[in-house]
Amino acid sequence: MTAMITTPFPAAAKLMPQFITVSGTAGRYYAVIPETMRKGAVPLVVVHGISRNAAELALRFGEIALLSGTPIIAPLFERKAFGMYQQVRSPSRGLQSDEALFGILDDASRRFDCDTAQIDLFGFSGGAQFAHRFAMLHPARARHCIAAAAGWYTMPDFDAAWPLGLQAAPLQIDKEALARVRFDVIVGGLDRSQDKALRRSPAIDAAQGTHRLQRARQWHHAMRNYGFRGGLTVIPGLSHAFSDAVHLGIVPLVFHLLGTLGADIEESAT
């Protein structure tokens, strides 16, 4: 479906993100913690792309988060320590990016007295790759995953090898827990370029398409066929830039999909 946010972007009175260095790991994060958290609030983890704009994500999502009583956690996967954080787990590295996120969540739970036993996930571009793979590997910790403009995806296919599919995944997949996770997909209607950041291979192209719009549609179709809940939202006029996505309403759209803040949406079939 194609969606356009029509609700005005809400403004918070004051935004005070806190930059934290997590003791004992190479991970750092920004957090926006409302003074009054909504009862039963599930923290929203927002994951940056390869530009490492974690602070920007915290700021952009923090405004509505303060109004809705939702804690925001924005991990920073620094290039030197986590060059391929999108893979979630890498056999060539000691500290894994999922382990770093677990350390961040434990720190945030202690520091801010918020329940991080389960989280919602949003990621843009490389962050979307991390988000959906983290949810697949750790479904008991993920309630809802929103993947925006991922370069490519892990398909719900137990006959294709990881990371293209789920066969021989680095952790055993808990199928029962995975079935409870909702996966939504967001992509720009103009996100069709084959830039140098877009991973290409015959196997990926054959299974998913040659650009991000095709790949988002293919993954959504495959996930729905496998039985997962979730929708596909195509934002008209958007190519592949987070700043443009913000201007076109991606932040209130995410909160609408999460059900934590209402937004009127005009929808039409693509």
C-alpha atoms as a PDB file:
ATOM      1  CA  MET A   1       0.000   0.000   0.000  1.00  0.00           C
ATOM      2  CA  THR A   2       0.959   3.617  -0.464  1.00  0.00           C
ATOM      3  CA  ALA A   3       0.584   5.820   2.608  1.00  0.00           C
ATOM      4  CA  MET A   4       0.742   9.518   3.350  1.00  0.00           C
ATOM      5  CA  ILE A   5       0.784  10.895   6.893  1.00  0.00           C
ATOM      6  CA  THR A   6      -1.735  13.711   7.231  1.00  0.00           C
ATOM      7  CA  THR A   7      -1.468  14.368  10.974  1.00  0.00           C
ATOM      8  CA  PRO A   8       0.753  17.422  11.724  1.00  0.00           C
ATOM      9  CA  PHE A   9       4.116  16.487  13.212  1.00  0.00           C
ATOM     10  CA  PRO A  10       3.751  16.997  16.989  1.00  0.00           C
ATOM     11  CA  ALA A  11       6.279  19.117  18.850  1.00  0.00           C
ATOM     12  CA  ALA A  12       7.561  18.432  22.342  1.00  0.00           C
ATOM     13  CA  ALA A  13       8.323  21.201  24.781  1.00  0.00           C
ATOM     14  CA  LYS A  14      11.918  20.137  25.375  1.00  0.00           C
ATOM     15  CA  LEU A  15      14.112  17.283  24.210  1.00  0.00           C
ATOM     16  CA  MET A  16      17.055  16.148  26.331  1.00  0.00           C
ATOM     17  CA  PRO A  17      18.729  13.043  24.893  1.00  0.00           C
ATOM     18  CA  GLN A  18      21.414  11.564  27.101  1.00  0.00           C
ATOM     19  CA  PHE A  19      24.651  10.201  25.657  1.00  0.00           C
ATOM     20  CA  ILE A  20      25.765   7.123  27.535  1.00  0.00           C
ATOM     21  CA  THR A  21      28.972   5.093  27.439  1.00  0.00           C
ATOM     22  CA  VAL A  22      28.104   1.507  28.280  1.00  0.00           C
ATOM     23  CA  SER A  23      30.573   0.008  30.731  1.00  0.00           C
ATOM     24  CA  GLY A  24      32.238  -3.210  29.659  1.00  0.00           C
ATOM     25  CA  THR A  25      31.302  -3.109  25.955  1.00  0.00           C
ATOM     26  CA  ALA A  26      32.276  -1.174  22.848  1.00  0.00           C
ATOM     27  CA  GLY A  27      28.680   0.015  22.467  1.00  0.00           C
ATOM     28  CA  ARG A  28      27.387   3.503  23.173  1.00  0.00           C
ATOM     29  CA  TYR A  29      23.863   4.838  22.875  1.00  0.00           C
ATOM     30  CA  TYR A  30      21.537   7.802  23.059  1.00  0.00           C
ATOM     31  CA  ALA A  31      18.401   7.587  25.153  1.00  0.00           C
ATOM     32  CA  VAL A  32      15.312   9.768  25.343  1.00  0.00           C
ATOM     33  CA  ILE A  33      13.382   8.881  28.487  1.00  0.00           C
ATOM     34  CA  PRO A  34      10.022  10.588  29.165  1.00  0.00           C
ATOM     35  CA  GLU A  35       9.502  11.910  32.688  1.00  0.00           C
ATOM     36  CA  THR A  36       6.287   9.899  32.783  1.00  0.00           C
ATOM     37  CA  MET A  37       6.458   6.611  30.944  1.00  0.00           C
ATOM     38  CA  ARG A  38       3.265   5.048  29.643  1.00  0.00           C
ATOM     39  CA  LYS A  39       2.148   2.067  31.721  1.00  0.00           C
ATOM     40  CA  GLY A  40       3.531  -1.069  30.118  1.00  0.00           C
ATOM     41  CA  ALA A  41       5.567   0.978  27.618  1.00  0.00           C
ATOM     42  CA  VAL A  42       7.798  -1.113  25.371  1.00  0.00           C
ATOM     43  CA  PRO A  43      11.078   0.685  24.574  1.00  0.00           C
ATOM     44  CA  LEU A  44      11.634   1.561  20.928  1.00  0.00           C
ATOM     45  CA  VAL A  45      15.157   0.785  19.716  1.00  0.00           C
ATOM     46  CA  VAL A  46      16.007   2.896  16.646  1.00  0.00           C
ATOM     47  CA  VAL A  47      18.974   1.672  14.614  1.00  0.00           C
ATOM     48  CA  HIS A  48      21.073   3.858  12.332  1.00  0.00           C
ATOM     49  CA  GLY A  49      22.346   3.126   8.836  1.00  0.00           C
ATOM     50  CA  ILE A  50      25.985   3.168   7.736  1.00  0.00           C
ATOM     51  CA  SER A  51      26.197   6.943   8.307  1.00  0.00           C
ATOM     52  CA  ARG A  52      26.023   6.137  12.060  1.00  0.00           C
ATOM     53  CA  ASN A  53      23.460   8.938  12.684  1.00  0.00           C
ATOM     54  CA  ALA A  54      22.299   7.514  16.016  1.00  0.00           C
ATOM     55  CA  ALA A  55      21.938  10.957  17.618  1.00  0.00           C
ATOM     56  CA  GLU A  56      19.713  12.151  14.771  1.00  0.00           C
ATOM     57  CA  LEU A  57      17.410   9.147  15.157  1.00  0.00           C
ATOM     58  CA  ALA A  58      17.148   9.754  18.904  1.00  0.00           C
ATOM     59  CA  LEU A  59      16.238  13.401  18.309  1.00  0.00           C
ATOM     60  CA  ARG A  60      13.744  12.709  15.527  1.00  0.00           C
ATOM     61  CA  PHE A  61      11.933   9.955  17.391  1.00  0.00           C
ATOM     62  CA  GLY A  62      12.385  11.598  20.784  1.00  0.00           C
ATOM     63  CA  GLU A  63       9.837  14.342  20.170  1.00  0.00           C
ATOM     64  CA  ILE A  64       6.863  12.015  19.775  1.00  0.00           C
ATOM     65  CA  ALA A  65       8.335   9.592  22.308  1.00  0.00           C
ATOM     66  CA  LEU A  66       8.155  12.245  25.013  1.00  0.00           C
ATOM     67  CA  LEU A  67       4.499  12.857  24.189  1.00  0.00           C
ATOM     68  CA  SER A  68       3.585   9.182  24.036  1.00  0.00           C
ATOM     69  CA  GLY A  69       5.554   8.073  27.100  1.00  0.00           C
ATOM     70  CA  THR A  70       7.796   5.757  25.060  1.00  0.00           C
ATOM     71  CA  PRO A  71      11.481   5.256  25.964  1.00  0.00           C
ATOM     72  CA  ILE A  72      13.811   5.611  22.963  1.00  0.00           C
ATOM     73  CA  ILE A  73      17.157   3.815  22.782  1.00  0.00           C
ATOM     74  CA  ALA A  74      19.475   4.569  19.853  1.00  0.00           C
ATOM     75  CA  PRO A  75      22.580   2.352  19.840  1.00  0.00           C
ATOM     76  CA  LEU A  76      25.733   3.591  18.158  1.00  0.00           C
ATOM     77  CA  PHE A  77      27.596   0.782  16.412  1.00  0.00           C
ATOM     78  CA  GLU A  78      30.934   2.441  15.846  1.00  0.00           C
ATOM     79  CA  ARG A  79      32.689   1.570  12.608  1.00  0.00           C
ATOM     80  CA  LYS A  80      35.947   0.297  14.127  1.00  0.00           C
ATOM     81  CA  ALA A  81      34.285  -2.129  16.529  1.00  0.00           C
ATOM     82  CA  PHE A  82      31.210  -3.031  14.485  1.00  0.00           C
ATOM     83  CA  GLY A  83      32.045  -2.593  10.813  1.00  0.00           C
ATOM     84  CA  MET A  84      29.388  -5.101   9.718  1.00  0.00           C
ATOM     85  CA  TYR A  85      26.849  -4.597  12.506  1.00  0.00           C
ATOM     86  CA  GLN A  86      24.052  -5.233   9.975  1.00  0.00           C
ATOM     87  CA  GLN A  87      24.883  -8.957  10.102  1.00  0.00           C
ATOM     88  CA  VAL A  88      24.021  -9.048  13.855  1.00  0.00           C
ATOM     89  CA  ARG A  89      26.536 -11.868  14.373  1.00  0.00           C
ATOM     90  CA  SER A  90      29.866 -12.325  12.604  1.00  0.00           C
ATOM     91  CA  PRO A  91      32.173 -15.339  13.006  1.00  0.00           C
ATOM     92  CA  SER A  92      35.213 -13.088  12.508  1.00  0.00           C
ATOM     93  CA  ARG A  93      34.585 -10.810  15.508  1.00  0.00           C
ATOM     94  CA  GLY A  94      34.694 -11.224  19.267  1.00  0.00           C
ATOM     95  CA  LEU A  95      31.999  -8.883  20.525  1.00  0.00           C
ATOM     96  CA  GLN A  96      28.853  -9.283  18.452  1.00  0.00           C
ATOM     97  CA  SER A  97      26.463  -6.434  17.717  1.00  0.00           C
ATOM     98  CA  ASP A  98      23.516  -8.273  19.270  1.00  0.00           C
ATOM     99  CA  GLU A  99      25.541  -8.786  22.444  1.00  0.00           C
ATOM    100  CA  ALA A 100      26.374  -5.080  22.470  1.00  0.00           C
ATOM    101  CA  LEU A 101      22.674  -4.245  22.202  1.00  0.00           C
ATOM    102  CA  PHE A 102      21.908  -6.607  25.084  1.00  0.00           C
ATOM    103  CA  GLY A 103      24.481  -4.721  27.173  1.00  0.00           C
ATOM    104  CA  ILE A 104      22.874  -1.408  26.212  1.00  0.00           C
ATOM    105  CA  LEU A 105      19.405  -2.698  27.125  1.00  0.00           C
ATOM    106  CA  ASP A 106      20.649  -3.967  30.498  1.00  0.00           C
ATOM    107  CA  ASP A 107      22.281  -0.608  31.195  1.00  0.00           C
ATOM    108  CA  ALA A 108      19.155   1.327  30.199  1.00  0.00           C
ATOM    109  CA  SER A 109      16.998  -0.905  32.391  1.00  0.00           C
ATOM    110  CA  ARG A 110      19.160  -0.204  35.439  1.00  0.00           C
ATOM    111  CA  ARG A 111      19.808   3.454  34.708  1.00  0.00           C
ATOM    112  CA  PHE A 112      16.280   4.520  33.770  1.00  0.00           C
ATOM    113  CA  ASP A 113      14.180   1.892  35.551  1.00  0.00           C
ATOM    114  CA  CYS A 114      12.481   0.796  32.339  1.00  0.00           C
ATOM    115  CA  ASP A 115      11.534  -2.730  31.359  1.00  0.00           C
ATOM    116  CA  THR A 116      13.698  -3.871  28.416  1.00  0.00           C
ATOM    117  CA  ALA A 117      12.699  -7.540  28.523  1.00  0.00           C
ATOM    118  CA  GLN A 118      10.917  -6.928  25.227  1.00  0.00           C
ATOM    119  CA  ILE A 119      11.522  -4.178  22.680  1.00  0.00           C
ATOM    120  CA  ASP A 120      10.165  -2.692  19.487  1.00  0.00           C
ATOM    121  CA  LEU A 121      12.679  -2.153  16.687  1.00  0.00           C
ATOM    122  CA  PHE A 122      12.962   0.405  13.900  1.00  0.00           C
ATOM    123  CA  GLY A 123      15.862   0.566  11.490  1.00  0.00           C
ATOM    124  CA  PHE A 124      16.594   2.571   8.370  1.00  0.00           C
ATOM    125  CA  SER A 125      18.750   1.163   5.537  1.00  0.00           C
ATOM    126  CA  GLY A 126      21.603  -0.764   7.224  1.00  0.00           C
ATOM    127  CA  GLY A 127      19.715  -0.363  10.493  1.00  0.00           C
ATOM    128  CA  ALA A 128      16.737  -2.161   8.947  1.00  0.00           C
ATOM    129  CA  GLN A 129      19.026  -5.062   8.072  1.00  0.00           C
ATOM    130  CA  PHE A 130      20.142  -5.266  11.696  1.00  0.00           C
ATOM    131  CA  ALA A 131      16.604  -4.842  13.058  1.00  0.00           C
ATOM    132  CA  HIS A 132      14.902  -7.645  11.160  1.00  0.00           C
ATOM    133  CA  ARG A 133      17.815 -10.056  11.605  1.00  0.00           C
ATOM    134  CA  PHE A 134      17.968  -9.318  15.340  1.00  0.00           C
ATOM    135  CA  ALA A 135      14.223 -10.020  15.578  1.00  0.00           C
ATOM    136  CA  MET A 136      14.678 -13.321  13.728  1.00  0.00           C
ATOM    137  CA  LEU A 137      17.566 -14.451  15.917  1.00  0.00           C
ATOM    138  CA  HIS A 138      16.071 -13.161  19.194  1.00  0.00           C
ATOM    139  CA  PRO A 139      12.287 -13.240  18.688  1.00  0.00           C
ATOM    140  CA  ALA A 140      11.555 -13.565  22.408  1.00  0.00           C
ATOM    141  CA  ARG A 141      13.015 -10.066  22.887  1.00  0.00           C
ATOM    142  CA  ALA A 142      11.251  -8.441  19.905  1.00  0.00           C
ATOM    143  CA  ARG A 143       7.584  -7.488  19.907  1.00  0.00           C
ATOM    144  CA  HIS A 144       7.424  -5.516  16.668  1.00  0.00           C
ATOM    145  CA  CYS A 145      10.015  -4.841  13.964  1.00  0.00           C
ATOM    146  CA  ILE A 146       9.724  -2.044  11.394  1.00  0.00           C
ATOM    147  CA  ALA A 147      12.315  -2.339   8.623  1.00  0.00           C
ATOM    148  CA  ALA A 148      12.652   0.789   6.474  1.00  0.00           C
ATOM    149  CA  ALA A 149      14.557   0.774   3.178  1.00  0.00           C
ATOM    150  CA  ALA A 150      16.798  -2.201   3.882  1.00  0.00           C
ATOM    151  CA  GLY A 151      19.373  -2.939   1.206  1.00  0.00           C
ATOM    152  CA  TRP A 152      18.541  -6.649   1.350  1.00  0.00           C
ATOM    153  CA  TYR A 153      16.799  -9.116   3.622  1.00  0.00           C
ATOM    154  CA  THR A 154      17.024 -12.506   5.255  1.00  0.00           C
ATOM    155  CA  MET A 155      14.181 -14.455   3.678  1.00  0.00           C
ATOM    156  CA  PRO A 156      11.886 -16.722   5.724  1.00  0.00           C
ATOM    157  CA  ASP A 157      13.387 -19.720   3.957  1.00  0.00           C
ATOM    158  CA  PHE A 158      14.884 -22.603   5.942  1.00  0.00           C
ATOM    159  CA  ASP A 159      16.350 -24.110   2.756  1.00  0.00           C
ATOM    160  CA  ALA A 160      18.522 -21.060   1.940  1.00  0.00           C
ATOM    161  CA  ALA A 161      21.749 -20.505   3.895  1.00  0.00           C
ATOM    162  CA  TRP A 162      22.117 -17.607   6.338  1.00  0.00           C
ATOM    163  CA  PRO A 163      22.095 -14.652   5.856  1.00  0.00           C
ATOM    164  CA  LEU A 164      20.053 -14.959   2.638  1.00  0.00           C
ATOM    165  CA  GLY A 165      17.823 -17.469   4.435  1.00  0.00           C
ATOM    166  CA  LEU A 166      17.445 -19.100   7.841  1.00  0.00           C
ATOM    167  CA  GLN A 167      19.318 -22.346   7.222  1.00  0.00           C
ATOM    168  CA  ALA A 168      22.396 -22.683   9.446  1.00  0.00           C
ATOM    169  CA  ALA A 169      21.627 -19.406  11.199  1.00  0.00           C
ATOM    170  CA  PRO A 170      24.226 -18.430  13.839  1.00  0.00           C
ATOM    171  CA  LEU A 171      21.658 -19.131  16.559  1.00  0.00           C
ATOM    172  CA  GLN A 172      18.879 -21.683  16.661  1.00  0.00           C
ATOM    173  CA  ILE A 173      15.650 -20.049  15.448  1.00  0.00           C
ATOM    174  CA  ASP A 174      12.788 -20.211  17.938  1.00  0.00           C
ATOM    175  CA  LYS A 175       9.960 -20.664  15.434  1.00  0.00           C
ATOM    176  CA  GLU A 176       7.208 -20.407  18.044  1.00  0.00           C
ATOM    177  CA  ALA A 177       8.496 -17.094  19.398  1.00  0.00           C
ATOM    178  CA  LEU A 178       9.236 -15.813  15.880  1.00  0.00           C
ATOM    179  CA  ALA A 179       5.629 -16.374  14.840  1.00  0.00           C
ATOM    180  CA  ARG A 180       4.536 -13.816  17.468  1.00  0.00           C
ATOM    181  CA  VAL A 181       6.681 -10.964  16.094  1.00  0.00           C
ATOM    182  CA  ARG A 182       5.032  -8.452  13.767  1.00  0.00           C
ATOM    183  CA  PHE A 183       7.166  -7.316  10.818  1.00  0.00           C
ATOM    184  CA  ASP A 184       6.254  -4.111   8.983  1.00  0.00           C
ATOM    185  CA  VAL A 185       8.131  -2.789   5.957  1.00  0.00           C
ATOM    186  CA  ILE A 186       8.547   0.832   4.820  1.00  0.00           C
ATOM    187  CA  VAL A 187      10.218   1.882   1.584  1.00  0.00           C
ATOM    188  CA  GLY A 188      10.300   4.890  -0.702  1.00  0.00           C
ATOM    189  CA  GLY A 189       8.423   4.801  -3.965  1.00  0.00           C
ATOM    190  CA  LEU A 190      11.530   6.185  -5.696  1.00  0.00           C
ATOM    191  CA  ASP A 191      14.057   3.934  -3.905  1.00  0.00           C
ATOM    192  CA  ARG A 192      15.129   2.204  -7.110  1.00  0.00           C
ATOM    193  CA  SER A 193      18.771   3.232  -7.513  1.00  0.00           C
ATOM    194  CA  GLN A 194      21.603   0.712  -7.508  1.00  0.00           C
ATOM    195  CA  ASP A 195      24.075   2.771  -5.482  1.00  0.00           C
ATOM    196  CA  LYS A 196      27.406   1.458  -4.213  1.00  0.00           C
ATOM    197  CA  ALA A 197      25.924   0.754  -0.751  1.00  0.00           C
ATOM    198  CA  LEU A 198      23.389  -1.685  -2.227  1.00  0.00           C
ATOM    199  CA  ARG A 199      24.665  -5.233  -1.970  1.00  0.00           C
ATOM    200  CA  ARG A 200      24.381  -7.128  -5.244  1.00  0.00           C
ATOM    201  CA  SER A 201      24.822 -10.807  -6.048  1.00  0.00           C
ATOM    202  CA  PRO A 202      23.103 -13.226  -8.431  1.00  0.00           C
ATOM    203  CA  ALA A 203      21.459 -15.014  -5.483  1.00  0.00           C
ATOM    204  CA  ILE A 204      20.141 -11.825  -3.852  1.00  0.00           C
ATOM    205  CA  ASP A 205      18.949 -10.340  -7.140  1.00  0.00           C
ATOM    206  CA  ALA A 206      17.161 -13.558  -8.102  1.00  0.00           C
ATOM    207  CA  ALA A 207      15.423 -13.938  -4.740  1.00  0.00           C
ATOM    208  CA  GLN A 208      14.659 -10.280  -3.969  1.00  0.00           C
ATOM    209  CA  GLY A 209      15.094  -8.015  -6.993  1.00  0.00           C
ATOM    210  CA  THR A 210      17.657  -5.451  -8.086  1.00  0.00           C
ATOM    211  CA  HIS A 211      16.706  -2.397  -6.005  1.00  0.00           C
ATOM    212  CA  ARG A 212      15.285  -1.606  -2.560  1.00  0.00           C
ATOM    213  CA  LEU A 213      11.675  -1.103  -3.646  1.00  0.00           C
ATOM    214  CA  GLN A 214      11.570  -4.492  -5.355  1.00  0.00           C
ATOM    215  CA  ARG A 215      13.320  -6.147  -2.436  1.00  0.00           C
ATOM    216  CA  ALA A 216      10.939  -4.668   0.140  1.00  0.00           C
ATOM    217  CA  ARG A 217       7.957  -5.938  -1.832  1.00  0.00           C
ATOM    218  CA  GLN A 218       9.485  -9.381  -2.325  1.00  0.00           C
ATOM    219  CA  TRP A 219      10.362  -9.758   1.357  1.00  0.00           C
ATOM    220  CA  HIS A 220       6.943  -8.575   2.505  1.00  0.00           C
ATOM    221  CA  HIS A 221       5.283 -11.014   0.087  1.00  0.00           C
ATOM    222  CA  ALA A 222       7.481 -13.877   1.307  1.00  0.00           C
ATOM    223  CA  MET A 223       6.855 -13.045   4.966  1.00  0.00           C
ATOM    224  CA  ARG A 224       3.094 -12.906   4.459  1.00  0.00           C
ATOM    225  CA  ASN A 225       3.143 -16.205   2.566  1.00  0.00           C
ATOM    226  CA  TYR A 226       5.033 -17.756   5.463  1.00  0.00           C
ATOM    227  CA  GLY A 227       2.359 -16.540   7.882  1.00  0.00           C
ATOM    228  CA  PHE A 228       3.901 -13.467   9.503  1.00  0.00           C
ATOM    229  CA  ARG A 229       1.779 -10.457  10.405  1.00  0.00           C
ATOM    230  CA  GLY A 230       2.664  -7.017   9.075  1.00  0.00           C
ATOM    231  CA  GLY A 231       2.169  -4.579   6.244  1.00  0.00           C
ATOM    232  CA  LEU A 232       4.074  -2.833   3.480  1.00  0.00           C
ATOM    233  CA  THR A 233       4.009   0.970   3.290  1.00  0.00           C
ATOM    234  CA  VAL A 234       5.390   2.735   0.218  1.00  0.00           C
ATOM    235  CA  ILE A 235       6.048   6.445   0.792  1.00  0.00           C
ATOM    236  CA  PRO A 236       5.449   8.399  -2.436  1.00  0.00           C
ATOM    237  CA  GLY A 237       8.251  10.698  -3.594  1.00  0.00           C
ATOM    238  CA  LEU A 238      10.880   9.175  -1.300  1.00  0.00           C
ATOM    239  CA  SER A 239      14.182   7.851  -2.632  1.00  0.00           C
ATOM    240  CA  HIS A 240      16.825   6.765  -0.112  1.00  0.00           C
ATOM    241  CA  ALA A 241      17.508   9.515   2.414  1.00  0.00           C
ATOM    242  CA  PHE A 242      16.498   9.485   6.077  1.00  0.00           C
ATOM    243  CA  SER A 243      16.170  13.290   6.205  1.00  0.00           C
ATOM    244  CA  ASP A 244      13.688  13.166   3.318  1.00  0.00           C
ATOM    245  CA  ALA A 245      11.833  10.308   5.018  1.00  0.00           C
ATOM    246  CA  VAL A 246      11.464  12.463   8.133  1.00  0.00           C
ATOM    247  CA  HIS A 247      10.103  15.348   6.050  1.00  0.00           C
ATOM    248  CA  LEU A 248       7.581  12.968   4.445  1.00  0.00           C
ATOM    249  CA  GLY A 249       6.308  11.696   7.793  1.00  0.00           C
ATOM    250  CA  ILE A 250       8.121   8.467   8.592  1.00  0.00           C
ATOM    251  CA  VAL A 251       8.364   9.205  12.330  1.00  0.00           C
ATOM    252  CA  PRO A 252       4.622   9.562  13.052  1.00  0.00           C
ATOM    253  CA  LEU A 253       4.041   6.654  10.656  1.00  0.00           C
ATOM    254  CA  VAL A 254       6.257   4.420  12.821  1.00  0.00           C
ATOM    255  CA  PHE A 255       4.391   5.372  15.988  1.00  0.00           C
ATOM    256  CA  HIS A 256       1.102   4.769  14.183  1.00  0.00           C
ATOM    257  CA  LEU A 257       2.221   1.275  13.150  1.00  0.00           C
ATOM    258  CA  LEU A 258       3.319   0.589  16.723  1.00  0.00           C
ATOM    259  CA  GLY A 259      -0.070   1.743  17.978  1.00  0.00           C
ATOM    260  CA  THR A 260       1.460   4.156  20.500  1.00  0.00           C
ATOM    261  CA  LEU A 261       0.246   7.407  18.972  1.00  0.00           C
ATOM    262  CA  GLY A 262      -2.652   7.959  16.607  1.00  0.00           C
ATOM    263  CA  ALA A 263      -2.150   9.318  13.127  1.00  0.00           C
ATOM    264  CA  ASP A 264      -4.613   9.666  10.284  1.00  0.00           C
ATOM    265  CA  ILE A 265      -3.339   7.886   7.210  1.00  0.00           C
ATOM    266  CA  GLU A 266      -4.602   8.006   3.649  1.00  0.00           C
ATOM    267  CA  GLU A 267      -4.065   4.634   2.024  1.00  0.00           C
ATOM    268  CA  SER A 268      -4.451   3.355  -1.514  1.00  0.00           C
ATOM    269  CA  ALA A 269      -3.446   0.143  -3.212  1.00  0.00           C
ATOM    270  CA  THR A 270      -0.219   0.228  -5.210  1.00  0.00           C
END
